Every structure is written in structure tokens, then in C-alpha cells.
Amino acid sequence: MLRRAPVLTLLTAAFMAASTALAAPSVAAAPAALPPSAVYVSDGAGSSIKGTLHWYNRSATFTGTLTSKGCRRAWYSVFDGFANPLGARSSSTHCNTVTSIPATLHANVVGGGSYAGVCLDDAKGKPITSCGVYPRPH
């Protein structure tokens, strides 16, 4: 003859099993975050781009500011390992101000982009300085 366990014992066992499952790490856990890349590009005459690149699997985000003396804009792109741009972006033109210039930079290739370029451009989109190059951290 089989004996049934008391209901309280069954509930306690079910609770313990559920709490253990919740505490165990997931096999499909997200990868560890990559360290951000600090960005600084200056023309030496008072205009600059300063901020941070955050790297993700198939994109990067830029948060920062454009300080413009005269009229300037920010240009940025992520590149693959063969130096192919994966979607350049540009801010609008800003004159004699400090402006927040957030952007999402797409890198729709396996593993994401290899590096990003950030340039300080004139009002017409022509680079006025050399660009800063920021490799993806490993």
C-alpha cells in the first residue's frame, strides 16, 4: 500500500526546488559587459567632442557633448575588421554652444564592430581634424 506524503511536505519540497532553480545561474546568461571607451576629439581652437562609447553585440552607443566654437558637427561610424563602415551617423550642425549628441551606431555583423571613428566636422560636414579611432575592447 502506497502512502501519500503530507501536503505540507510536498509544498515545502516544491518551494525549495523553485527557489534553487531561481538562484542557479542561467546557461544562456548575457555576456559580460565590455568596458566603455572614453572619446575625446579636439580641434585645438576650442571645439571638441567628449563622451563615451558603449559596445554591444551588434551596435555601439555614444553619449557625450559637442562643444562648438563657430559651427561644428560630430561624425561617427563603427567599422568591421576589414575597415568597412557599418553605418555612419552625423549630428546636426551646432554653433557656439555645448550640446548633447547621443547616437546609436549600428554594427549589424556577427560580433559587432571592430572599432569606431569619431570626427569633428565643419558646418558642411567636412572634417576639420583627424578623427579619433577607438578599438572595441576585448
Protein backbone atom coordinates (compact mmCIF):
# COMPACT_ATOMS: atom_id res chain seq x y z
CA MET A 1 0.00 0.00 0.00
CA LEU A 2 1.34 3.41 -1.01
CA ARG A 3 1.31 6.27 1.43
CA ARG A 4 0.95 9.82 0.22
CA ALA A 5 3.23 12.45 1.66
CA PRO A 6 1.53 15.15 3.64
CA VAL A 7 0.53 18.22 1.57
CA LEU A 8 2.81 20.49 3.63
CA THR A 9 5.84 18.33 2.81
CA LEU A 10 5.00 18.42 -0.92
CA LEU A 11 4.60 22.21 -0.87
CA THR A 12 7.87 22.64 1.03
CA ALA A 13 9.72 20.43 -1.48
CA ALA A 14 8.20 22.32 -4.42
CA PHE A 15 9.15 25.67 -2.89
CA MET A 16 12.73 24.54 -2.26
CA ALA A 17 13.09 23.25 -5.83
CA ALA A 18 11.72 26.50 -7.29
CA SER A 19 13.95 28.69 -5.14
CA THR A 20 17.03 26.63 -6.08
CA ALA A 21 16.17 26.96 -9.78
CA LEU A 22 15.77 30.71 -9.43
CA ALA A 23 19.08 31.09 -7.63
CA ALA A 24 21.05 28.97 -10.13
CA PRO A 25 22.82 30.90 -12.92
CA SER A 26 21.21 30.70 -16.31
CA VAL A 27 23.03 28.80 -19.03
CA ALA A 28 22.00 31.44 -21.57
CA ALA A 29 23.07 34.39 -19.43
CA ALA A 30 24.05 37.61 -21.22
CA PRO A 31 27.78 38.05 -21.85
CA ALA A 32 29.71 40.28 -19.51
CA ALA A 33 29.56 43.95 -20.44
CA LEU A 34 32.53 45.35 -22.30
CA PRO A 35 34.29 48.31 -20.71
CA PRO A 36 33.26 51.63 -22.28
CA SER A 37 35.66 53.63 -24.45
CA ALA A 38 36.35 57.25 -23.48
CA VAL A 39 36.17 59.59 -26.50
CA TYR A 40 37.91 62.94 -26.91
CA VAL A 41 38.49 64.75 -30.20
CA SER A 42 39.56 68.42 -30.32
CA ASP A 43 40.45 70.95 -33.00
CA GLY A 44 42.82 72.81 -30.65
CA ALA A 45 40.79 76.01 -31.08
CA GLY A 46 38.04 75.38 -28.53
CA SER A 47 35.78 72.90 -30.31
CA SER A 48 35.67 69.31 -29.11
CA ILE A 49 33.71 66.09 -28.80
CA LYS A 50 33.84 64.38 -25.42
CA GLY A 51 31.93 61.31 -24.34
CA THR A 52 31.73 57.55 -24.03
CA LEU A 53 31.20 54.66 -26.42
CA HIS A 54 29.34 51.65 -25.02
CA TRP A 55 29.81 48.46 -27.02
CA TYR A 56 27.12 45.84 -27.65
CA ASN A 57 26.83 42.72 -29.80
CA ARG A 58 25.61 44.47 -32.96
CA SER A 59 25.82 48.15 -32.09
CA ALA A 60 27.54 50.81 -30.07
CA THR A 61 26.06 53.87 -28.42
CA PHE A 62 27.71 57.22 -27.99
CA THR A 63 26.77 59.60 -25.20
CA GLY A 64 28.57 62.88 -24.90
CA THR A 65 28.77 66.53 -25.79
CA LEU A 66 29.88 68.66 -28.69
CA THR A 67 31.47 71.98 -27.70
CA SER A 68 31.43 74.22 -30.75
CA LYS A 69 33.34 77.44 -31.36
CA GLY A 70 31.88 78.56 -34.63
CA CYS A 71 29.73 75.91 -36.32
CA ARG A 72 30.62 72.24 -35.91
CA ARG A 73 29.10 68.80 -36.10
CA ALA A 74 30.09 65.34 -34.89
CA TRP A 75 30.54 62.40 -37.27
CA TYR A 76 30.86 58.80 -36.09
CA SER A 77 30.84 55.29 -37.50
CA VAL A 78 31.59 51.74 -36.44
CA PHE A 79 33.78 49.67 -38.78
CA ASP A 80 34.18 45.93 -39.25
CA GLY A 81 37.56 44.16 -39.11
CA PHE A 82 38.19 44.97 -42.80
CA ALA A 83 37.68 48.77 -42.36
CA ASN A 84 34.21 48.72 -43.96
CA PRO A 85 31.89 51.32 -42.38
CA LEU A 86 28.78 49.79 -40.85
CA GLY A 87 26.57 52.87 -40.85
CA ALA A 88 27.96 56.37 -40.37
CA ARG A 89 26.00 58.95 -38.40
CA SER A 90 26.34 62.70 -38.01
CA SER A 91 24.89 65.19 -35.58
CA SER A 92 23.22 68.30 -36.86
CA THR A 93 25.27 71.49 -37.04
CA HIS A 94 25.67 73.39 -33.75
CA CYS A 95 27.12 76.90 -33.46
CA ASN A 96 28.84 78.41 -30.41
CA THR A 97 27.26 76.08 -27.88
CA VAL A 98 27.67 72.94 -25.79
CA THR A 99 25.19 70.30 -26.94
CA SER A 100 24.38 66.71 -26.00
CA ILE A 101 24.89 64.48 -29.06
CA PRO A 102 23.74 60.91 -28.30
CA ALA A 103 23.77 58.36 -31.12
CA THR A 104 23.24 54.66 -31.73
CA LEU A 105 25.77 53.26 -34.18
CA HIS A 106 24.66 50.08 -35.90
CA ALA A 107 27.15 47.26 -36.44
CA ASN A 108 24.97 44.51 -37.85
CA VAL A 109 27.68 41.89 -38.29
CA VAL A 110 28.46 38.85 -36.17
CA GLY A 111 30.32 40.00 -33.06
CA GLY A 112 29.66 43.68 -33.76
CA GLY A 113 32.12 46.28 -34.97
CA SER A 114 35.89 46.20 -34.51
CA TYR A 115 36.45 49.91 -33.91
CA ALA A 116 34.74 53.29 -34.11
CA GLY A 117 35.84 56.56 -35.63
CA VAL A 118 34.74 59.93 -34.24
CA CYS A 119 35.42 63.14 -36.17
CA LEU A 120 34.90 66.84 -35.60
CA ASP A 121 33.46 68.33 -38.81
CA ASP A 122 32.73 71.86 -40.01
CA ALA A 123 29.18 73.07 -40.68
CA LYS A 124 29.16 71.43 -44.13
CA GLY A 125 30.29 68.02 -42.86
CA LYS A 126 33.92 68.34 -43.90
CA PRO A 127 36.43 67.02 -41.33
CA ILE A 128 38.47 69.78 -39.69
CA THR A 129 40.64 67.49 -37.57
CA SER A 130 41.90 63.98 -37.73
CA CYS A 131 39.43 61.51 -36.31
CA GLY A 132 39.79 59.67 -33.02
CA VAL A 133 39.90 55.88 -33.50
CA TYR A 134 38.57 53.71 -30.69
CA PRO A 135 39.05 49.92 -30.86
CA ARG A 136 36.40 47.65 -29.40
CA PRO A 137 37.62 46.38 -26.02
CA HIS A 138 38.05 42.63 -25.55
